[in-house]
């Protein structure tokens, strides 16, 4: 079921790539209005998304990035407040 019945959007194609933007293809990967990423390695990541309506028309892609993922801190890190 599309999450946005008023607009006719019924699915999305996404990309999440390290280093640079990549155009989302025309294969729907998701139909929900949320996305959980896999665990990402430290570095710069780029997100692309495009939607398709019930008539099969794809939108222009939209991009966000870089999304900077940092390495976790040391396990023995102690944060003290004054």
C-alpha atoms as a PDB file:
ATOM      1  CA  UNK A   1       0.000   0.000   0.000  1.00  0.00           C
ATOM      2  CA  UNK A   2       1.464   3.381  -0.905  1.00  0.00           C
ATOM      3  CA  UNK A   3       2.184   5.618   2.037  1.00  0.00           C
ATOM      4  CA  UNK A   4       1.148   8.686   0.077  1.00  0.00           C
ATOM      5  CA  UNK A   5      -2.156   7.771  -1.570  1.00  0.00           C
ATOM      6  CA  UNK A   6      -2.993  11.408  -2.422  1.00  0.00           C
ATOM      7  CA  UNK A   7       0.061  11.901  -4.650  1.00  0.00           C
ATOM      8  CA  UNK A   8       0.021   8.452  -6.226  1.00  0.00           C
ATOM      9  CA  UNK A   9       3.544   7.613  -5.057  1.00  0.00           C
ATOM     10  CA  UNK A  10       3.746   3.864  -4.562  1.00  0.00           C
ATOM     11  CA  UNK A  11       7.460   2.965  -4.304  1.00  0.00           C
ATOM     12  CA  UNK A  12      11.014   4.292  -4.093  1.00  0.00           C
ATOM     13  CA  UNK A  13      14.439   3.460  -5.441  1.00  0.00           C
ATOM     14  CA  UNK A  14      17.369   4.412  -3.244  1.00  0.00           C
ATOM     15  CA  UNK A  15      21.133   4.425  -3.300  1.00  0.00           C
ATOM     16  CA  UNK A  16      23.482   4.692  -0.339  1.00  0.00           C
ATOM     17  CA  UNK A  17      27.053   4.750  -1.542  1.00  0.00           C
ATOM     18  CA  UNK A  18      30.462   5.652  -0.131  1.00  0.00           C
ATOM     19  CA  UNK A  19      32.530   8.320  -1.812  1.00  0.00           C
ATOM     20  CA  UNK A  20      30.151   9.814  -4.379  1.00  0.00           C
ATOM     21  CA  UNK A  21      26.562  10.131  -5.544  1.00  0.00           C
ATOM     22  CA  UNK A  22      25.040   7.338  -7.610  1.00  0.00           C
ATOM     23  CA  UNK A  23      21.761   7.707  -9.493  1.00  0.00           C
ATOM     24  CA  UNK A  24      18.980   5.477  -8.136  1.00  0.00           C
ATOM     25  CA  UNK A  25      17.824   3.002 -10.775  1.00  0.00           C
ATOM     26  CA  UNK A  26      14.241   2.279 -11.786  1.00  0.00           C
ATOM     27  CA  UNK A  27      13.869  -0.850  -9.650  1.00  0.00           C
ATOM     28  CA  UNK A  28      11.702  -0.157  -6.576  1.00  0.00           C
ATOM     29  CA  UNK A  29      13.480  -1.159  -3.362  1.00  0.00           C
ATOM     30  CA  UNK A  30      10.946   0.064  -0.841  1.00  0.00           C
ATOM     31  CA  UNK A  31       7.319   1.037  -0.375  1.00  0.00           C
ATOM     32  CA  UNK A  32       7.481   2.339   3.207  1.00  0.00           C
ATOM     33  CA  UNK A  33       8.042   5.947   4.252  1.00  0.00           C
ATOM     34  CA  UNK A  34      11.103   5.054   6.365  1.00  0.00           C
ATOM     35  CA  UNK A  35      14.453   3.424   5.701  1.00  0.00           C
ATOM     36  CA  UNK A  36      16.876   1.701   8.065  1.00  0.00           C
ATOM     37  CA  UNK A  37      20.417   1.704   6.786  1.00  0.00           C
ATOM     38  CA  UNK A  38      22.708  -1.254   7.148  1.00  0.00           C
ATOM     39  CA  UNK A  39      25.652  -0.676   9.477  1.00  0.00           C
ATOM     40  CA  UNK A  40      27.874   1.832   7.691  1.00  0.00           C
ATOM     41  CA  UNK A  41      31.653   1.914   7.782  1.00  0.00           C
ATOM     42  CA  UNK A  42      33.289   5.202   8.768  1.00  0.00           C
ATOM     43  CA  UNK A  43      33.576   7.657   5.887  1.00  0.00           C
ATOM     44  CA  UNK A  44      31.489   9.890   3.651  1.00  0.00           C
ATOM     45  CA  UNK A  45      28.221   8.395   2.415  1.00  0.00           C
ATOM     46  CA  UNK A  46      25.798   9.728  -0.184  1.00  0.00           C
ATOM     47  CA  UNK A  47      22.061   9.039  -0.316  1.00  0.00           C
ATOM     48  CA  UNK A  48      19.892   9.227  -3.421  1.00  0.00           C
ATOM     49  CA  UNK A  49      16.153   8.642  -3.727  1.00  0.00           C
ATOM     50  CA  UNK A  50      13.518   8.781  -6.439  1.00  0.00           C
ATOM     51  CA  UNK A  51       9.857   7.837  -6.402  1.00  0.00           C
ATOM     52  CA  UNK A  52       7.535   6.118  -8.842  1.00  0.00           C
ATOM     53  CA  UNK A  53       3.800   6.636  -9.085  1.00  0.00           C
ATOM     54  CA  UNK A  54       1.118   4.070  -9.820  1.00  0.00           C
ATOM     55  CA  UNK A  55       1.376   4.899 -13.539  1.00  0.00           C
ATOM     56  CA  UNK A  56       5.092   3.982 -13.606  1.00  0.00           C
ATOM     57  CA  UNK A  57       6.442   7.535 -13.921  1.00  0.00           C
ATOM     58  CA  UNK A  58       9.753   8.047 -12.094  1.00  0.00           C
ATOM     59  CA  UNK A  59      10.687  11.326 -10.417  1.00  0.00           C
ATOM     60  CA  UNK A  60      13.946  13.182 -10.781  1.00  0.00           C
ATOM     61  CA  UNK A  61      16.427  11.881  -8.167  1.00  0.00           C
ATOM     62  CA  UNK A  62      17.134  13.871  -5.014  1.00  0.00           C
ATOM     63  CA  UNK A  63      20.508  13.589  -3.280  1.00  0.00           C
ATOM     64  CA  UNK A  64      21.827  14.222   0.229  1.00  0.00           C
ATOM     65  CA  UNK A  65      25.447  14.100   1.266  1.00  0.00           C
ATOM     66  CA  UNK A  66      27.971  13.752   2.383  1.00  0.00           C
ATOM     67  CA  UNK A  67      26.665  11.996   5.463  1.00  0.00           C
ATOM     68  CA  UNK A  68      29.748  11.637   7.656  1.00  0.00           C
ATOM     69  CA  UNK A  69      30.020   8.425   9.665  1.00  0.00           C
ATOM     70  CA  UNK A  70      32.754   8.433  12.282  1.00  0.00           C
ATOM     71  CA  UNK A  71      34.390   5.500  14.001  1.00  0.00           C
ATOM     72  CA  UNK A  72      33.001   4.660  17.434  1.00  0.00           C
ATOM     73  CA  UNK A  73      34.932   5.944  20.418  1.00  0.00           C
ATOM     74  CA  UNK A  74      37.055   3.640  22.548  1.00  0.00           C
ATOM     75  CA  UNK A  75      35.074   1.210  24.678  1.00  0.00           C
ATOM     76  CA  UNK A  76      36.834   2.409  27.848  1.00  0.00           C
ATOM     77  CA  UNK A  77      36.018   6.093  27.266  1.00  0.00           C
ATOM     78  CA  UNK A  78      34.718   7.797  30.405  1.00  0.00           C
ATOM     79  CA  UNK A  79      32.873  11.090  30.123  1.00  0.00           C
ATOM     80  CA  UNK A  80      32.911  13.181  33.280  1.00  0.00           C
ATOM     81  CA  UNK A  81      30.872  16.277  33.960  1.00  0.00           C
ATOM     82  CA  UNK A  82      31.984  18.979  36.397  1.00  0.00           C
END
